[in-house]
Amino acid sequence: MATDIETVLRNIESCYDFTGRSVIHVGAGGGQFVRCAGRARRVLGVDHDSAAVKRLEQAIREQGLEDRFRAVRGDILAVRERADVVFFEFCLHEIVDPRAALRHARNLAPETLVVDPAVDSRWAWIVCETEKAQRGWAAVERYQLALDRTFPGVQRFRDQTELLARVEGLGDCALRRASEYAGQRDFSIDMPYRVALMSR
């Protein structure tokens, strides 16, 4: 991710304190945001991508969190474990039925924390995920929110080659939109994101 992870972490942590809580961390694969839940009492990290789960397991070992952080490959809808909070990390827009995912999360925990791209994100447009983001946030907005904040964010690239490598595998739409940056150097693409908390 060509963005300032430390800033994103600080912003999430300014909205929610994971200290001493039990957490179901959805979309945890890759391990970039392990620290968010690192102070929790117990964490179940869930991701559908097996390679991402392996990276998560490595991040867990590197940060010495094996005693309280467990990683599994799977879908949130298959989780039956209860927790204090379900944390969706930049993944709700990727879930086919975000309404069902949120309903299930609210059955698993009294609080649900969602961090996802804002619908006006230029980056979401570049990777052809604007409609997905709209669908995800429409599902969130069906509930009364205890917190709803939007933060600025950017994806930074040295050149178009780096951007194309980043969007490779995301389809022709993303490659076509990335072609607009031909010849540009040291550029950034706006990636605002929202943090929302639901309590029941």
N, C-alpha and C. Protein backbone atom coordinates (compact mmCIF):
# COMPACT_ATOMS: atom_id res chain seq x y z
N MET A 1 0.87 -1.19 0.00
CA MET A 1 0.00 0.00 0.00
C MET A 1 0.89 1.23 0.00
N ALA A 2 0.79 2.04 -1.03
CA ALA A 2 1.65 3.21 -1.16
C ALA A 2 1.04 4.40 -0.42
N THR A 3 0.81 4.22 0.84
CA THR A 3 0.23 5.29 1.65
C THR A 3 0.89 5.29 3.01
N ASP A 4 0.63 6.32 3.79
CA ASP A 4 1.25 6.46 5.10
C ASP A 4 0.48 5.63 6.13
N ILE A 5 0.92 4.39 6.31
CA ILE A 5 0.22 3.47 7.21
C ILE A 5 0.20 4.01 8.64
N GLU A 6 1.29 4.63 9.07
CA GLU A 6 1.35 5.14 10.45
C GLU A 6 0.26 6.18 10.70
N THR A 7 0.01 7.04 9.73
CA THR A 7 -1.04 8.05 9.88
C THR A 7 -2.41 7.39 9.95
N VAL A 8 -2.64 6.40 9.09
CA VAL A 8 -3.92 5.69 9.11
C VAL A 8 -4.12 5.02 10.46
N LEU A 9 -3.07 4.37 10.97
CA LEU A 9 -3.14 3.72 12.28
C LEU A 9 -3.50 4.72 13.37
N ARG A 10 -2.81 5.86 13.38
CA ARG A 10 -3.09 6.89 14.41
C ARG A 10 -4.53 7.36 14.32
N ASN A 11 -5.04 7.53 13.11
CA ASN A 11 -6.41 8.01 12.95
C ASN A 11 -7.42 6.97 13.45
N ILE A 12 -7.18 5.70 13.13
CA ILE A 12 -8.08 4.66 13.63
C ILE A 12 -8.03 4.61 15.15
N GLU A 13 -6.81 4.66 15.70
CA GLU A 13 -6.65 4.59 17.15
C GLU A 13 -7.23 5.80 17.86
N SER A 14 -7.32 6.94 17.15
CA SER A 14 -7.95 8.12 17.75
C SER A 14 -9.47 7.96 17.84
N CYS A 15 -10.01 7.02 17.07
CA CYS A 15 -11.46 6.79 17.05
C CYS A 15 -11.89 5.64 17.94
N TYR A 16 -10.98 4.70 18.17
CA TYR A 16 -11.39 3.50 18.92
C TYR A 16 -10.21 2.95 19.71
N ASP A 17 -10.45 2.61 20.96
CA ASP A 17 -9.43 2.04 21.83
C ASP A 17 -9.66 0.53 21.95
N PHE A 18 -8.77 -0.25 21.38
CA PHE A 18 -8.88 -1.71 21.40
C PHE A 18 -8.36 -2.33 22.69
N THR A 19 -7.79 -1.51 23.57
CA THR A 19 -7.12 -2.03 24.77
C THR A 19 -8.06 -2.92 25.60
N GLY A 20 -7.60 -4.15 25.86
CA GLY A 20 -8.33 -5.07 26.73
C GLY A 20 -9.57 -5.69 26.13
N ARG A 21 -9.84 -5.45 24.86
CA ARG A 21 -11.06 -5.96 24.25
C ARG A 21 -10.81 -7.25 23.48
N SER A 22 -11.87 -7.98 23.25
CA SER A 22 -11.80 -9.12 22.33
C SER A 22 -12.29 -8.63 20.97
N VAL A 23 -11.56 -9.00 19.92
CA VAL A 23 -11.78 -8.40 18.59
C VAL A 23 -11.87 -9.49 17.54
N ILE A 24 -12.83 -9.34 16.63
CA ILE A 24 -12.85 -10.11 15.39
C ILE A 24 -12.43 -9.13 14.30
N HIS A 25 -11.25 -9.36 13.76
CA HIS A 25 -10.62 -8.42 12.81
C HIS A 25 -10.80 -8.97 11.40
N VAL A 26 -11.75 -8.38 10.66
CA VAL A 26 -12.10 -8.87 9.32
C VAL A 26 -11.26 -8.13 8.28
N GLY A 27 -10.67 -8.90 7.35
CA GLY A 27 -9.79 -8.29 6.36
C GLY A 27 -8.41 -8.03 6.93
N ALA A 28 -8.04 -8.80 7.93
CA ALA A 28 -6.78 -8.59 8.65
C ALA A 28 -5.57 -9.08 7.87
N GLY A 29 -5.78 -9.85 6.81
CA GLY A 29 -4.69 -10.43 6.05
C GLY A 29 -3.72 -9.37 5.55
N GLY A 30 -2.47 -9.73 5.52
CA GLY A 30 -1.44 -8.78 5.12
C GLY A 30 -0.73 -8.21 6.33
N GLY A 31 -1.46 -8.07 7.43
CA GLY A 31 -0.85 -7.67 8.69
C GLY A 31 -0.49 -6.21 8.84
N GLN A 32 -0.91 -5.35 7.90
CA GLN A 32 -0.54 -3.94 7.97
C GLN A 32 -1.11 -3.24 9.19
N PHE A 33 -2.29 -3.69 9.64
CA PHE A 33 -2.96 -3.00 10.74
C PHE A 33 -3.03 -3.85 12.01
N VAL A 34 -2.13 -4.81 12.12
CA VAL A 34 -2.09 -5.66 13.31
C VAL A 34 -1.98 -4.82 14.57
N ARG A 35 -1.21 -3.73 14.50
CA ARG A 35 -1.01 -2.91 15.70
C ARG A 35 -2.31 -2.36 16.27
N CYS A 36 -3.28 -2.08 15.41
CA CYS A 36 -4.55 -1.54 15.88
C CYS A 36 -5.15 -2.43 16.96
N ALA A 37 -5.13 -3.72 16.69
CA ALA A 37 -5.72 -4.65 17.64
C ALA A 37 -4.67 -5.28 18.55
N GLY A 38 -3.43 -4.84 18.43
CA GLY A 38 -2.34 -5.43 19.18
C GLY A 38 -2.47 -5.28 20.69
N ARG A 39 -3.19 -4.28 21.15
CA ARG A 39 -3.39 -4.08 22.59
C ARG A 39 -4.65 -4.78 23.10
N ALA A 40 -5.33 -5.46 22.20
CA ALA A 40 -6.55 -6.17 22.59
C ALA A 40 -6.21 -7.38 23.46
N ARG A 41 -7.19 -7.85 24.17
CA ARG A 41 -7.03 -9.04 25.01
C ARG A 41 -6.95 -10.30 24.16
N ARG A 42 -7.77 -10.32 23.09
CA ARG A 42 -7.84 -11.51 22.22
C ARG A 42 -8.32 -11.06 20.85
N VAL A 43 -7.66 -11.59 19.78
CA VAL A 43 -8.03 -11.19 18.42
C VAL A 43 -8.15 -12.43 17.54
N LEU A 44 -9.24 -12.47 16.79
CA LEU A 44 -9.40 -13.46 15.73
C LEU A 44 -9.29 -12.69 14.41
N GLY A 45 -8.20 -12.92 13.67
CA GLY A 45 -8.01 -12.26 12.38
C GLY A 45 -8.57 -13.13 11.27
N VAL A 46 -9.49 -12.58 10.48
CA VAL A 46 -10.18 -13.34 9.43
C VAL A 46 -9.91 -12.72 8.07
N ASP A 47 -9.52 -13.55 7.12
CA ASP A 47 -9.34 -13.06 5.74
C ASP A 47 -9.60 -14.23 4.80
N HIS A 48 -10.17 -13.93 3.63
CA HIS A 48 -10.50 -14.99 2.67
C HIS A 48 -9.32 -15.40 1.82
N ASP A 49 -8.24 -14.59 1.82
CA ASP A 49 -7.08 -14.82 0.96
C ASP A 49 -6.00 -15.57 1.72
N SER A 50 -5.65 -16.78 1.26
CA SER A 50 -4.69 -17.61 1.98
C SER A 50 -3.30 -16.98 2.03
N ALA A 51 -2.87 -16.32 0.93
CA ALA A 51 -1.56 -15.67 0.93
C ALA A 51 -1.54 -14.52 1.93
N ALA A 52 -2.65 -13.78 2.01
CA ALA A 52 -2.73 -12.67 2.97
C ALA A 52 -2.71 -13.19 4.41
N VAL A 53 -3.34 -14.33 4.65
CA VAL A 53 -3.33 -14.91 5.99
C VAL A 53 -1.90 -15.30 6.39
N LYS A 54 -1.12 -15.81 5.44
CA LYS A 54 0.28 -16.15 5.72
C LYS A 54 1.07 -14.90 6.09
N ARG A 55 0.83 -13.80 5.39
CA ARG A 55 1.52 -12.54 5.73
C ARG A 55 1.07 -12.05 7.10
N LEU A 56 -0.20 -12.24 7.43
CA LEU A 56 -0.71 -11.86 8.74
C LEU A 56 -0.03 -12.69 9.83
N GLU A 57 0.10 -13.98 9.60
CA GLU A 57 0.75 -14.84 10.59
C GLU A 57 2.20 -14.41 10.84
N GLN A 58 2.87 -14.00 9.77
CA GLN A 58 4.25 -13.52 9.91
C GLN A 58 4.28 -12.22 10.72
N ALA A 59 3.35 -11.31 10.45
CA ALA A 59 3.29 -10.04 11.20
C ALA A 59 2.99 -10.29 12.67
N ILE A 60 2.14 -11.27 12.95
CA ILE A 60 1.82 -11.64 14.34
C ILE A 60 3.08 -12.11 15.06
N ARG A 61 3.86 -12.96 14.39
CA ARG A 61 5.11 -13.46 15.00
C ARG A 61 6.10 -12.32 15.21
N GLU A 62 6.24 -11.47 14.20
CA GLU A 62 7.22 -10.37 14.28
C GLU A 62 6.90 -9.41 15.42
N GLN A 63 5.62 -9.23 15.70
CA GLN A 63 5.23 -8.30 16.76
C GLN A 63 4.98 -9.00 18.10
N GLY A 64 5.27 -10.30 18.15
CA GLY A 64 5.16 -11.04 19.40
C GLY A 64 3.75 -11.13 19.95
N LEU A 65 2.77 -11.32 19.06
CA LEU A 65 1.37 -11.33 19.48
C LEU A 65 0.74 -12.72 19.43
N GLU A 66 1.57 -13.77 19.31
CA GLU A 66 1.03 -15.13 19.17
C GLU A 66 0.15 -15.55 20.33
N ASP A 67 0.38 -14.97 21.51
CA ASP A 67 -0.37 -15.39 22.70
C ASP A 67 -1.82 -14.93 22.66
N ARG A 68 -2.14 -13.95 21.81
CA ARG A 68 -3.52 -13.45 21.80
C ARG A 68 -4.10 -13.15 20.42
N PHE A 69 -3.36 -13.43 19.36
CA PHE A 69 -3.83 -13.12 18.00
C PHE A 69 -3.81 -14.40 17.18
N ARG A 70 -4.99 -14.83 16.72
CA ARG A 70 -5.12 -16.04 15.92
C ARG A 70 -5.62 -15.67 14.53
N ALA A 71 -4.98 -16.22 13.48
CA ALA A 71 -5.37 -15.92 12.10
C ALA A 71 -6.04 -17.12 11.47
N VAL A 72 -7.14 -16.86 10.76
CA VAL A 72 -7.84 -17.94 10.05
C VAL A 72 -8.24 -17.47 8.65
N ARG A 73 -8.24 -18.41 7.72
CA ARG A 73 -8.74 -18.12 6.39
C ARG A 73 -10.23 -18.43 6.38
N GLY A 74 -11.04 -17.46 5.97
CA GLY A 74 -12.47 -17.71 5.94
C GLY A 74 -13.27 -16.45 5.68
N ASP A 75 -14.56 -16.58 5.87
CA ASP A 75 -15.54 -15.53 5.60
C ASP A 75 -16.17 -15.12 6.92
N ILE A 76 -16.45 -13.85 7.08
CA ILE A 76 -17.07 -13.35 8.32
C ILE A 76 -18.38 -14.08 8.60
N LEU A 77 -19.10 -14.46 7.56
CA LEU A 77 -20.40 -15.11 7.77
C LEU A 77 -20.27 -16.50 8.37
N ALA A 78 -19.06 -17.08 8.30
CA ALA A 78 -18.84 -18.40 8.89
C ALA A 78 -18.35 -18.32 10.34
N VAL A 79 -18.04 -17.12 10.81
CA VAL A 79 -17.52 -16.96 12.17
C VAL A 79 -18.66 -17.10 13.17
N ARG A 80 -18.42 -17.85 14.23
CA ARG A 80 -19.41 -18.03 15.29
C ARG A 80 -18.90 -17.51 16.64
N GLU A 81 -17.64 -17.18 16.70
CA GLU A 81 -17.02 -16.71 17.95
C GLU A 81 -17.59 -15.33 18.32
N ARG A 82 -17.78 -15.11 19.61
CA ARG A 82 -18.28 -13.82 20.09
C ARG A 82 -17.11 -12.93 20.48
N ALA A 83 -17.35 -11.61 20.47
CA ALA A 83 -16.29 -10.66 20.81
C ALA A 83 -16.91 -9.35 21.28
N ASP A 84 -16.06 -8.43 21.70
CA ASP A 84 -16.52 -7.09 22.08
C ASP A 84 -16.75 -6.21 20.87
N VAL A 85 -15.94 -6.43 19.81
CA VAL A 85 -16.06 -5.59 18.61
C VAL A 85 -15.66 -6.40 17.37
N VAL A 86 -16.36 -6.14 16.27
CA VAL A 86 -15.97 -6.64 14.96
C VAL A 86 -15.39 -5.45 14.20
N PHE A 87 -14.16 -5.60 13.72
CA PHE A 87 -13.43 -4.54 13.05
C PHE A 87 -13.24 -4.90 11.58
N PHE A 88 -13.92 -4.17 10.68
CA PHE A 88 -13.78 -4.36 9.23
C PHE A 88 -12.68 -3.41 8.74
N GLU A 89 -11.55 -3.98 8.35
CA GLU A 89 -10.39 -3.19 7.91
C GLU A 89 -10.35 -3.06 6.39
N PHE A 90 -10.82 -1.94 5.86
CA PHE A 90 -10.76 -1.65 4.43
C PHE A 90 -11.22 -2.85 3.60
N CYS A 91 -12.31 -3.50 4.02
CA CYS A 91 -12.75 -4.69 3.30
C CYS A 91 -14.25 -4.75 3.07
N LEU A 92 -15.03 -3.90 3.73
CA LEU A 92 -16.49 -4.03 3.60
C LEU A 92 -16.92 -3.87 2.15
N HIS A 93 -16.26 -2.97 1.41
CA HIS A 93 -16.64 -2.75 0.01
C HIS A 93 -16.37 -3.98 -0.86
N GLU A 94 -15.49 -4.88 -0.40
CA GLU A 94 -15.17 -6.08 -1.17
C GLU A 94 -16.14 -7.23 -0.89
N ILE A 95 -16.95 -7.09 0.14
CA ILE A 95 -17.87 -8.17 0.52
C ILE A 95 -19.12 -8.10 -0.36
N VAL A 96 -19.48 -9.22 -0.93
CA VAL A 96 -20.58 -9.27 -1.89
C VAL A 96 -21.88 -8.73 -1.29
N ASP A 97 -22.18 -9.10 -0.06
CA ASP A 97 -23.40 -8.64 0.60
C ASP A 97 -23.04 -7.95 1.91
N PRO A 98 -22.69 -6.65 1.85
CA PRO A 98 -22.29 -5.96 3.07
C PRO A 98 -23.39 -5.87 4.12
N ARG A 99 -24.64 -5.85 3.70
CA ARG A 99 -25.74 -5.83 4.68
C ARG A 99 -25.73 -7.10 5.52
N ALA A 100 -25.59 -8.24 4.86
CA ALA A 100 -25.56 -9.51 5.58
C ALA A 100 -24.35 -9.57 6.51
N ALA A 101 -23.21 -9.06 6.04
CA ALA A 101 -21.99 -9.08 6.85
C ALA A 101 -22.16 -8.23 8.11
N LEU A 102 -22.77 -7.06 7.97
CA LEU A 102 -22.98 -6.19 9.13
C LEU A 102 -24.01 -6.79 10.09
N ARG A 103 -25.08 -7.38 9.55
CA ARG A 103 -26.07 -8.03 10.42
C ARG A 103 -25.40 -9.12 11.25
N HIS A 104 -24.59 -9.93 10.59
CA HIS A 104 -23.90 -11.02 11.28
C HIS A 104 -22.93 -10.46 12.32
N ALA A 105 -22.19 -9.43 11.95
CA ALA A 105 -21.24 -8.82 12.89
C ALA A 105 -21.95 -8.33 14.14
N ARG A 106 -23.11 -7.73 13.96
CA ARG A 106 -23.85 -7.19 15.09
C ARG A 106 -24.41 -8.30 15.99
N ASN A 107 -24.53 -9.51 15.46
CA ASN A 107 -24.90 -10.66 16.29
C ASN A 107 -23.71 -11.20 17.07
N LEU A 108 -22.51 -10.93 16.57
CA LEU A 108 -21.30 -11.45 17.20
C LEU A 108 -20.74 -10.52 18.28
N ALA A 109 -21.03 -9.23 18.16
CA ALA A 109 -20.41 -8.27 19.08
C ALA A 109 -21.32 -7.05 19.26
N PRO A 110 -21.25 -6.39 20.41
CA PRO A 110 -22.07 -5.20 20.63
C PRO A 110 -21.59 -3.97 19.86
N GLU A 111 -20.34 -4.01 19.36
CA GLU A 111 -19.82 -2.88 18.60
C GLU A 111 -19.25 -3.37 17.27
N THR A 112 -19.42 -2.55 16.25
CA THR A 112 -18.87 -2.84 14.92
C THR A 112 -18.15 -1.60 14.44
N LEU A 113 -16.86 -1.74 14.11
CA LEU A 113 -16.04 -0.65 13.62
C LEU A 113 -15.72 -0.89 12.15
N VAL A 114 -16.05 0.09 11.30
CA VAL A 114 -15.80 -0.04 9.86
C VAL A 114 -14.84 1.05 9.43
N VAL A 115 -13.76 0.65 8.74
CA VAL A 115 -12.85 1.58 8.10
C VAL A 115 -12.83 1.19 6.62
N ASP A 116 -13.21 2.12 5.75
CA ASP A 116 -13.35 1.80 4.34
C ASP A 116 -13.18 3.08 3.51
N PRO A 117 -12.86 2.93 2.22
CA PRO A 117 -12.72 4.12 1.37
C PRO A 117 -13.99 4.95 1.34
N ALA A 118 -13.83 6.27 1.36
CA ALA A 118 -14.98 7.16 1.19
C ALA A 118 -15.47 7.07 -0.25
N VAL A 119 -16.74 7.38 -0.46
CA VAL A 119 -17.30 7.21 -1.80
C VAL A 119 -16.72 8.20 -2.80
N ASP A 120 -16.16 9.32 -2.32
CA ASP A 120 -15.58 10.30 -3.24
C ASP A 120 -14.07 10.10 -3.42
N SER A 121 -13.58 8.94 -3.03
CA SER A 121 -12.16 8.64 -3.15
C SER A 121 -11.74 8.52 -4.61
N ARG A 122 -10.77 9.32 -5.00
CA ARG A 122 -10.22 9.22 -6.36
C ARG A 122 -9.56 7.85 -6.55
N TRP A 123 -8.91 7.36 -5.49
CA TRP A 123 -8.26 6.05 -5.58
C TRP A 123 -9.30 4.96 -5.83
N ALA A 124 -10.44 5.02 -5.14
CA ALA A 124 -11.50 4.04 -5.37
C ALA A 124 -11.97 4.09 -6.82
N TRP A 125 -12.00 5.30 -7.40
CA TRP A 125 -12.39 5.43 -8.81
C TRP A 125 -11.34 4.80 -9.70
N ILE A 126 -10.06 5.07 -9.43
CA ILE A 126 -8.98 4.52 -10.25
C ILE A 126 -9.05 2.99 -10.28
N VAL A 127 -9.31 2.37 -9.14
CA VAL A 127 -9.34 0.90 -9.09
C VAL A 127 -10.76 0.36 -9.31
N CYS A 128 -11.66 1.24 -9.78
CA CYS A 128 -13.00 0.84 -10.21
C CYS A 128 -13.82 0.24 -9.07
N GLU A 129 -13.72 0.87 -7.87
CA GLU A 129 -14.44 0.37 -6.71
C GLU A 129 -15.39 1.39 -6.10
N THR A 130 -15.70 2.46 -6.83
CA THR A 130 -16.60 3.48 -6.31
C THR A 130 -17.97 2.90 -5.97
N GLU A 131 -18.53 2.10 -6.88
CA GLU A 131 -19.85 1.52 -6.63
C GLU A 131 -19.82 0.57 -5.45
N LYS A 132 -18.73 -0.16 -5.30
CA LYS A 132 -18.59 -1.05 -4.14
C LYS A 132 -18.58 -0.24 -2.84
N ALA A 133 -17.83 0.87 -2.85
CA ALA A 133 -17.77 1.73 -1.66
C ALA A 133 -19.15 2.30 -1.34
N GLN A 134 -19.88 2.72 -2.38
CA GLN A 134 -21.23 3.25 -2.17
C GLN A 134 -22.14 2.20 -1.55
N ARG A 135 -22.05 0.97 -2.04
CA ARG A 135 -22.88 -0.12 -1.53
C ARG A 135 -22.53 -0.41 -0.06
N GLY A 136 -21.23 -0.42 0.24
CA GLY A 136 -20.81 -0.69 1.62
C GLY A 136 -21.29 0.38 2.58
N TRP A 137 -21.10 1.64 2.21
CA TRP A 137 -21.51 2.73 3.12
C TRP A 137 -23.03 2.84 3.22
N ALA A 138 -23.74 2.48 2.16
CA ALA A 138 -25.22 2.47 2.25
C ALA A 138 -25.67 1.45 3.29
N ALA A 139 -24.96 0.31 3.36
CA ALA A 139 -25.29 -0.70 4.36
C ALA A 139 -25.00 -0.18 5.76
N VAL A 140 -23.88 0.51 5.94
CA VAL A 140 -23.52 1.08 7.24
C VAL A 140 -24.55 2.11 7.68
N GLU A 141 -24.97 2.96 6.75
CA GLU A 141 -25.84 4.08 7.08
C GLU A 141 -27.26 3.67 7.43
N ARG A 142 -27.57 2.40 7.33
CA ARG A 142 -28.87 1.90 7.79
C ARG A 142 -28.94 1.88 9.31
N TYR A 143 -27.79 2.01 9.96
CA TYR A 143 -27.72 1.95 11.41
C TYR A 143 -27.40 3.32 11.99
N GLN A 144 -27.78 3.51 13.23
CA GLN A 144 -27.39 4.72 13.94
C GLN A 144 -25.91 4.60 14.29
N LEU A 145 -25.14 5.64 13.99
CA LEU A 145 -23.70 5.58 14.17
C LEU A 145 -23.29 6.33 15.43
N ALA A 146 -22.48 5.68 16.25
CA ALA A 146 -21.95 6.32 17.45
C ALA A 146 -20.78 7.22 17.09
N LEU A 147 -20.15 6.97 15.94
CA LEU A 147 -19.03 7.78 15.46
C LEU A 147 -18.99 7.69 13.95
N ASP A 148 -18.69 8.79 13.29
CA ASP A 148 -18.57 8.80 11.83
C ASP A 148 -17.61 9.93 11.45
N ARG A 149 -16.38 9.55 11.08
CA ARG A 149 -15.37 10.55 10.73
C ARG A 149 -14.73 10.19 9.40
N THR A 150 -14.38 11.22 8.64
CA THR A 150 -13.67 11.03 7.38
C THR A 150 -12.29 11.65 7.50
N PHE A 151 -11.28 10.90 7.06
CA PHE A 151 -9.90 11.36 7.12
C PHE A 151 -9.33 11.48 5.71
N PRO A 152 -8.46 12.46 5.49
CA PRO A 152 -7.78 12.52 4.18
C PRO A 152 -6.73 11.42 4.11
N GLY A 153 -6.50 10.94 2.93
CA GLY A 153 -5.46 9.94 2.72
C GLY A 153 -5.00 10.04 1.28
N VAL A 154 -3.82 9.54 1.01
CA VAL A 154 -3.29 9.54 -0.35
C VAL A 154 -2.54 8.26 -0.63
N GLN A 155 -2.52 7.89 -1.88
CA GLN A 155 -1.63 6.85 -2.40
C GLN A 155 -0.54 7.60 -3.16
N ARG A 156 0.73 7.34 -2.85
CA ARG A 156 1.84 8.04 -3.49
C ARG A 156 2.60 7.08 -4.42
N PHE A 157 3.02 7.61 -5.56
CA PHE A 157 3.74 6.81 -6.55
C PHE A 157 4.91 7.60 -7.13
N ARG A 158 6.00 6.88 -7.39
CA ARG A 158 7.16 7.52 -8.02
C ARG A 158 6.90 7.81 -9.49
N ASP A 159 6.17 6.90 -10.14
CA ASP A 159 5.89 7.07 -11.57
C ASP A 159 4.73 6.14 -11.94
N GLN A 160 4.35 6.21 -13.22
CA GLN A 160 3.23 5.40 -13.67
C GLN A 160 3.53 3.90 -13.59
N THR A 161 4.79 3.53 -13.78
CA THR A 161 5.17 2.12 -13.70
C THR A 161 4.82 1.54 -12.34
N GLU A 162 5.11 2.31 -11.28
CA GLU A 162 4.78 1.85 -9.93
C GLU A 162 3.27 1.75 -9.74
N LEU A 163 2.53 2.71 -10.30
CA LEU A 163 1.06 2.66 -10.21
C LEU A 163 0.53 1.43 -10.95
N LEU A 164 1.04 1.17 -12.15
CA LEU A 164 0.57 0.02 -12.92
C LEU A 164 0.87 -1.28 -12.19
N ALA A 165 2.01 -1.36 -11.52
CA ALA A 165 2.33 -2.56 -10.74
C ALA A 165 1.34 -2.72 -9.58
N ARG A 166 0.92 -1.61 -9.03
CA ARG A 166 -0.01 -1.64 -7.89
C ARG A 166 -1.40 -2.12 -8.31
N VAL A 167 -1.85 -1.73 -9.53
CA VAL A 167 -3.21 -2.08 -9.96
C VAL A 167 -3.24 -3.33 -10.83
N GLU A 168 -2.05 -3.88 -11.12
CA GLU A 168 -2.00 -5.10 -11.93
C GLU A 168 -2.84 -6.19 -11.26
N GLY A 169 -3.64 -6.84 -12.02
CA GLY A 169 -4.50 -7.88 -11.47
C GLY A 169 -5.88 -7.39 -11.07
N LEU A 170 -6.10 -6.08 -11.17
CA LEU A 170 -7.40 -5.52 -10.80
C LEU A 170 -8.32 -5.32 -12.01
N GLY A 171 -7.84 -5.73 -13.19
CA GLY A 171 -8.71 -5.71 -14.36
C GLY A 171 -8.41 -4.57 -15.32
N ASP A 172 -9.02 -4.67 -16.49
CA ASP A 172 -8.80 -3.69 -17.55
C ASP A 172 -9.25 -2.29 -17.17
N CYS A 173 -10.33 -2.20 -16.40
CA CYS A 173 -10.84 -0.88 -15.99
C CYS A 173 -9.77 -0.11 -15.22
N ALA A 174 -9.15 -0.76 -14.23
CA ALA A 174 -8.13 -0.09 -13.42
C ALA A 174 -6.90 0.25 -14.27
N LEU A 175 -6.49 -0.66 -15.14
CA LEU A 175 -5.33 -0.39 -15.99
C LEU A 175 -5.60 0.78 -16.93
N ARG A 176 -6.82 0.86 -17.44
CA ARG A 176 -7.19 1.95 -18.34
C ARG A 176 -7.16 3.29 -17.60
N ARG A 177 -7.70 3.32 -16.39
CA ARG A 177 -7.72 4.57 -15.64
C ARG A 177 -6.32 4.97 -15.17
N ALA A 178 -5.49 3.99 -14.87
CA ALA A 178 -4.12 4.28 -14.47
C ALA A 178 -3.31 4.85 -15.63
N SER A 179 -3.74 4.57 -16.85
CA SER A 179 -3.00 5.07 -18.02
C SER A 179 -3.05 6.59 -18.11
N GLU A 180 -4.00 7.22 -17.39
CA GLU A 180 -4.08 8.69 -17.38
C GLU A 180 -2.82 9.32 -16.78
N TYR A 181 -2.05 8.54 -16.03
CA TYR A 181 -0.88 9.08 -15.33
C TYR A 181 0.41 8.87 -16.10
N ALA A 182 0.30 8.54 -17.40
CA ALA A 182 1.49 8.33 -18.23
C ALA A 182 2.39 9.57 -18.19
N GLY A 183 3.67 9.35 -17.96
CA GLY A 183 4.63 10.44 -17.97
C GLY A 183 4.74 11.22 -16.68
N GLN A 184 3.84 10.99 -15.73
CA GLN A 184 3.89 11.74 -14.47
C GLN A 184 4.88 11.10 -13.50
N ARG A 185 5.47 11.93 -12.65
CA ARG A 185 6.43 11.46 -11.67
C ARG A 185 6.10 12.05 -10.30
N ASP A 186 6.37 11.28 -9.26
CA ASP A 186 6.16 11.72 -7.87
C ASP A 186 4.78 12.36 -7.69
N PHE A 187 3.76 11.58 -7.96
CA PHE A 187 2.38 12.07 -7.86
C PHE A 187 1.64 11.32 -6.77
N SER A 188 0.52 11.88 -6.37
CA SER A 188 -0.32 11.23 -5.36
C SER A 188 -1.76 11.22 -5.84
N ILE A 189 -2.51 10.26 -5.34
CA ILE A 189 -3.93 10.10 -5.68
C ILE A 189 -4.70 10.13 -4.37
N ASP A 190 -5.68 11.01 -4.28
CA ASP A 190 -6.45 11.17 -3.04
C ASP A 190 -7.18 9.87 -2.69
N MET A 191 -7.12 9.52 -1.41
CA MET A 191 -7.77 8.31 -0.92
C MET A 191 -8.41 8.60 0.44
N PRO A 192 -9.41 9.50 0.51
CA PRO A 192 -10.07 9.71 1.80
C PRO A 192 -10.77 8.43 2.25
N TYR A 193 -10.87 8.25 3.56
CA TYR A 193 -11.51 7.06 4.10
C TYR A 193 -12.33 7.45 5.32
N ARG A 194 -13.37 6.65 5.55
CA ARG A 194 -14.27 6.90 6.68
C ARG A 194 -14.05 5.86 7.77
N VAL A 195 -14.25 6.30 9.00
CA VAL A 195 -14.23 5.42 10.16
C VAL A 195 -15.59 5.57 10.83
N ALA A 196 -16.33 4.47 10.95
CA ALA A 196 -17.67 4.51 11.54
C ALA A 196 -17.79 3.44 12.62
N LEU A 197 -18.49 3.79 13.68
CA LEU A 197 -18.70 2.87 14.79
C LEU A 197 -20.20 2.71 15.03
N MET A 198 -20.63 1.46 15.08
CA MET A 198 -22.03 1.14 15.40
C MET A 198 -22.06 0.42 16.74
N SER A 199 -22.99 0.81 17.59
CA SER A 199 -23.18 0.14 18.87
C SER A 199 -24.61 -0.33 18.98
N ARG A 200 -24.81 -1.45 19.63
CA ARG A 200 -26.20 -1.91 19.83
C ARG A 200 -26.48 -2.04 21.32
